[in-house]
Amino acid sequence: MIFIVVKFQTKPEWTDRWLEFVGPFTAATRAEEGNLWFDWSRSVDDPTEFVLVEAFRDEEAGAAHVGSAHFTQAMQDLPQALASTPRIINQTIDDTGWSELGEMAVR
């Protein structure tokens, strides 16, 4: 699986509408056959920072995502709302999804 985490620092005037702005990109990515998840969160420490956690089945699915029309469009559209270049962690890991946190098992 390709596991990716990206931090986006938005311009203050874009912060409140960021999730709506990325909505079409999010929906199109989630509809990709090889997408496992594509989830946004907002930092509790910095309201202008959004964190994207995404995963793709394999290299082929990741390449299809980067080659898609909606990805290309997002790379053109999103920078206008950003205060800085996004920061990314992109790793291939030998797993297929989320596991339970054993140290905090709910009984």
Protein backbone atom coordinates (compact mmCIF):
# COMPACT_ATOMS: atom_id res chain seq x y z
CA MET A 1 0.00 0.00 0.00
CA ILE A 2 1.11 3.57 -0.69
CA PHE A 3 0.54 5.57 2.52
CA ILE A 4 0.69 9.36 2.28
CA VAL A 5 0.30 12.19 4.77
CA VAL A 6 0.33 15.79 3.54
CA LYS A 7 0.16 18.99 5.60
CA PHE A 8 -1.40 22.01 3.88
CA GLN A 9 -0.98 25.54 5.31
CA THR A 10 -3.84 27.66 4.01
CA LYS A 11 -3.97 31.40 3.64
CA PRO A 12 -6.27 32.74 6.40
CA GLU A 13 -8.82 34.00 3.88
CA TRP A 14 -9.13 30.46 2.45
CA THR A 15 -9.18 28.52 5.72
CA ASP A 16 -12.93 28.47 6.34
CA ARG A 17 -13.70 27.37 2.78
CA TRP A 18 -10.78 24.93 2.29
CA LEU A 19 -12.82 21.74 2.68
CA GLU A 20 -15.46 23.00 0.27
CA PHE A 21 -12.71 24.09 -2.15
CA VAL A 22 -11.08 20.63 -2.16
CA GLY A 23 -14.46 18.85 -2.19
CA PRO A 24 -14.52 17.95 -5.91
CA PHE A 25 -10.90 16.73 -5.78
CA THR A 26 -11.68 14.68 -2.67
CA ALA A 27 -14.79 13.09 -4.22
CA ALA A 28 -13.01 12.25 -7.47
CA THR A 29 -10.06 10.71 -5.65
CA ARG A 30 -12.29 8.64 -3.35
CA ALA A 31 -14.03 7.30 -6.47
CA GLU A 32 -10.77 5.95 -7.92
CA GLU A 33 -10.70 2.16 -7.98
CA GLY A 34 -7.32 1.90 -6.20
CA ASN A 35 -7.98 4.52 -3.51
CA LEU A 36 -8.25 3.05 -0.02
CA TRP A 37 -8.97 6.33 1.78
CA PHE A 38 -8.59 10.07 1.38
CA ASP A 39 -9.37 11.81 4.68
CA TRP A 40 -8.95 15.43 5.76
CA SER A 41 -8.38 16.65 9.31
CA ARG A 42 -7.80 20.08 10.76
CA SER A 43 -5.01 20.80 13.22
CA VAL A 44 -6.16 21.52 16.77
CA ASP A 45 -3.07 23.72 17.26
CA ASP A 46 -3.20 25.75 14.03
CA PRO A 47 -6.60 26.36 12.43
CA THR A 48 -4.98 27.19 9.07
CA GLU A 49 -3.34 23.74 8.81
CA PHE A 50 -5.12 20.79 7.24
CA VAL A 51 -3.76 17.25 7.20
CA LEU A 52 -4.60 14.81 4.43
CA VAL A 53 -4.17 11.09 5.12
CA GLU A 54 -4.50 9.03 1.96
CA ALA A 55 -3.70 5.54 0.78
CA PHE A 56 -3.66 3.68 -2.51
CA ARG A 57 -3.71 -0.06 -3.09
CA ASP A 58 -0.35 -0.19 -4.89
CA GLU A 59 2.09 1.69 -7.13
CA GLU A 60 -0.22 1.28 -10.11
CA ALA A 61 -3.13 2.90 -8.26
CA GLY A 62 -0.88 5.71 -7.03
CA ALA A 63 0.37 6.36 -10.55
CA ALA A 64 -3.20 6.40 -11.87
CA HIS A 65 -4.10 8.98 -9.24
CA VAL A 66 -1.17 11.26 -10.12
CA GLY A 67 -2.01 10.86 -13.81
CA SER A 68 -5.69 11.68 -13.41
CA ALA A 69 -7.33 14.83 -14.73
CA HIS A 70 -8.63 15.77 -11.28
CA PHE A 71 -5.10 15.53 -9.79
CA THR A 72 -3.70 17.70 -12.57
CA GLN A 73 -6.48 20.24 -12.02
CA ALA A 74 -5.92 20.26 -8.25
CA MET A 75 -2.20 20.94 -8.74
CA GLN A 76 -3.19 24.03 -10.75
CA ASP A 77 -6.03 25.22 -8.48
CA LEU A 78 -4.92 24.52 -4.90
CA PRO A 79 -1.75 26.67 -4.69
CA GLN A 80 -3.79 29.91 -4.80
CA ALA A 81 -5.19 29.03 -1.36
CA LEU A 82 -1.89 28.01 0.23
CA ALA A 83 0.50 30.04 2.38
CA SER A 84 3.39 27.61 1.81
CA THR A 85 4.37 24.51 -0.14
CA PRO A 86 2.68 21.42 1.34
CA ARG A 87 4.83 18.99 3.33
CA ILE A 88 4.53 15.26 2.58
CA ILE A 89 5.43 11.82 3.85
CA ASN A 90 5.00 9.17 1.15
CA GLN A 91 5.86 5.56 1.97
CA THR A 92 5.17 2.14 0.52
CA ILE A 93 4.28 -0.18 3.37
CA ASP A 94 3.48 -3.86 3.56
CA ASP A 95 -0.08 -3.60 4.78
CA THR A 96 -3.60 -3.40 3.41
CA GLY A 97 -5.42 -1.16 5.86
CA TRP A 98 -5.91 0.00 9.42
CA SER A 99 -5.23 -2.24 12.42
CA GLU A 100 -6.68 -1.95 15.91
CA LEU A 101 -4.62 -0.21 18.58
CA GLY A 102 -4.11 -3.12 20.97
CA GLU A 103 -2.92 -0.93 23.84
CA MET A 104 -6.30 0.77 23.87
CA ALA A 105 -8.72 -2.05 23.22
CA VAL A 106 -12.32 -1.11 23.91
CA ARG A 107 -14.16 -3.86 25.70
